[in-house]
């Protein structure tokens, strides 16, 4: 049996050569996977919470909708769309729309906030 020759794999190389020192600023977008549990934790605080650098994506929008459906006020100030404000409410609405809650796996993060506020939590199996 003849030997099989495997061609070399091209590797991507980044070369850094000495030059003038780097300077400047980089804005890093917020992380959806970090923002979702923080939004739910903010609801569990039962007091106003401001979160910065919250990305505007579908999963974050779904979590904000779930918070609003379950009695919290959630808003993004027009002056700073990357900030989210979570405010407690006196409205009793412990059950979010199960179809909306099933859209994201992170919906189960709301369980502690719902238990703390209403003594019960009813959510569908996480989706996503």
Protein backbone atom coordinates (compact mmCIF):
# COMPACT_ATOMS: atom_id res chain seq x y z
CA UNK A 1 0.00 0.00 0.00
CA UNK A 2 1.48 3.37 -0.99
CA UNK A 3 2.04 6.03 1.65
CA UNK A 4 -0.57 8.79 1.77
CA UNK A 5 0.85 12.26 1.71
CA UNK A 6 -1.07 14.86 3.73
CA UNK A 7 -0.64 18.40 2.44
CA UNK A 8 0.43 21.02 5.00
CA UNK A 9 -2.33 23.10 6.55
CA UNK A 10 -2.06 26.82 6.03
CA UNK A 11 -2.02 28.70 9.31
CA UNK A 12 -3.14 32.26 9.82
CA UNK A 13 -0.32 34.36 11.19
CA UNK A 14 -0.52 37.71 12.89
CA UNK A 15 2.79 39.52 12.94
CA UNK A 16 3.39 42.34 15.39
CA UNK A 17 6.37 44.51 14.63
CA UNK A 18 7.77 47.16 16.97
CA UNK A 19 6.56 50.61 16.11
CA UNK A 20 5.05 53.56 17.90
CA UNK A 21 3.00 52.69 21.02
CA UNK A 22 -0.65 51.94 20.36
CA UNK A 23 -3.19 54.39 21.71
CA UNK A 24 -6.92 54.82 21.43
CA UNK A 25 -10.20 53.49 22.70
CA UNK A 26 -12.33 50.52 21.73
CA UNK A 27 -16.00 50.18 22.58
CA UNK A 28 -16.94 46.59 23.37
CA UNK A 29 -20.53 45.55 22.74
CA UNK A 30 -22.42 44.04 25.65
CA UNK A 31 -22.81 40.30 25.91
CA UNK A 32 -26.29 38.78 25.58
CA UNK A 33 -25.22 35.82 27.74
CA UNK A 34 -24.13 38.18 30.50
CA UNK A 35 -27.11 40.52 30.18
CA UNK A 36 -29.92 37.94 30.42
CA UNK A 37 -29.16 36.69 33.96
CA UNK A 38 -28.47 40.26 35.09
CA UNK A 39 -31.87 41.41 33.84
CA UNK A 40 -33.58 38.64 35.80
CA UNK A 41 -31.45 39.38 38.88
CA UNK A 42 -32.41 43.05 38.62
CA UNK A 43 -36.07 42.03 38.83
CA UNK A 44 -35.34 40.00 41.95
CA UNK A 45 -33.93 43.12 43.67
CA UNK A 46 -37.41 44.72 44.03
CA UNK A 47 -35.93 48.18 43.58
CA UNK A 48 -34.90 50.31 40.58
CA UNK A 49 -31.84 48.95 38.77
CA UNK A 50 -29.93 50.54 35.87
CA UNK A 51 -27.86 48.20 33.69
CA UNK A 52 -25.36 49.58 31.18
CA UNK A 53 -24.04 48.12 27.94
CA UNK A 54 -27.06 45.87 27.41
CA UNK A 55 -27.14 44.72 23.77
CA UNK A 56 -30.22 45.23 21.65
CA UNK A 57 -30.94 41.76 20.27
CA UNK A 58 -33.90 39.42 20.04
CA UNK A 59 -33.19 37.43 23.23
CA UNK A 60 -32.74 40.56 25.33
CA UNK A 61 -35.96 41.97 23.86
CA UNK A 62 -37.77 38.75 24.73
CA UNK A 63 -36.48 38.89 28.32
CA UNK A 64 -37.65 42.51 28.63
CA UNK A 65 -41.07 41.48 27.31
CA UNK A 66 -41.24 38.67 29.90
CA UNK A 67 -40.33 41.11 32.67
CA UNK A 68 -43.07 43.48 31.56
CA UNK A 69 -45.59 40.64 31.32
CA UNK A 70 -44.80 39.55 34.87
CA UNK A 71 -45.23 42.95 36.46
CA UNK A 72 -41.94 44.84 36.13
CA UNK A 73 -41.35 48.01 34.17
CA UNK A 74 -38.46 47.63 31.75
CA UNK A 75 -37.34 50.52 29.58
CA UNK A 76 -34.45 51.80 27.53
CA UNK A 77 -33.93 55.58 27.84
CA UNK A 78 -34.01 57.32 24.46
CA UNK A 79 -30.87 59.24 25.43
CA UNK A 80 -28.92 55.98 26.04
CA UNK A 81 -30.30 52.95 24.17
CA UNK A 82 -27.65 50.64 25.64
CA UNK A 83 -28.92 51.24 29.18
CA UNK A 84 -31.86 49.30 30.54
CA UNK A 85 -33.86 50.35 33.58
CA UNK A 86 -35.81 47.74 35.55
CA UNK A 87 -38.40 49.13 37.98
CA UNK A 88 -40.58 47.17 40.37
CA UNK A 89 -44.33 47.37 39.99
CA UNK A 90 -47.24 46.77 42.32
CA UNK A 91 -49.17 44.92 39.60
CA UNK A 92 -49.63 41.22 40.32
CA UNK A 93 -49.02 39.20 37.14
CA UNK A 94 -47.04 36.05 37.96
CA UNK A 95 -47.55 34.13 34.71
CA UNK A 96 -45.81 35.20 31.49
CA UNK A 97 -47.06 34.15 28.06
CA UNK A 98 -45.72 30.58 27.70
CA UNK A 99 -45.17 30.96 23.95
CA UNK A 100 -42.92 33.96 24.49
CA UNK A 101 -41.12 32.35 27.44
CA UNK A 102 -40.41 29.24 25.35
CA UNK A 103 -38.53 31.31 22.76
CA UNK A 104 -35.39 31.64 24.90
CA UNK A 105 -33.53 29.19 27.11
CA UNK A 106 -32.81 31.98 29.58
CA UNK A 107 -36.47 32.31 30.62
CA UNK A 108 -35.77 30.06 33.60
CA UNK A 109 -33.57 32.84 35.04
CA UNK A 110 -36.85 34.52 36.04
CA UNK A 111 -37.80 31.76 38.50
CA UNK A 112 -36.15 33.37 41.59
CA UNK A 113 -37.66 36.79 40.81
CA UNK A 114 -41.13 35.28 40.34
CA UNK A 115 -40.86 33.20 43.51
CA UNK A 116 -39.71 36.23 45.48
CA UNK A 117 -42.44 38.49 44.14
CA UNK A 118 -45.41 36.10 43.92
CA UNK A 119 -44.47 32.92 45.80
CA UNK A 120 -44.78 30.87 42.59
CA UNK A 121 -43.28 30.54 39.14
CA UNK A 122 -44.85 28.89 36.11
CA UNK A 123 -42.75 28.77 32.96
CA UNK A 124 -42.62 26.34 30.03
CA UNK A 125 -39.56 24.23 29.30
CA UNK A 126 -36.83 26.56 28.08
CA UNK A 127 -36.66 26.92 24.34
CA UNK A 128 -34.24 28.74 22.11
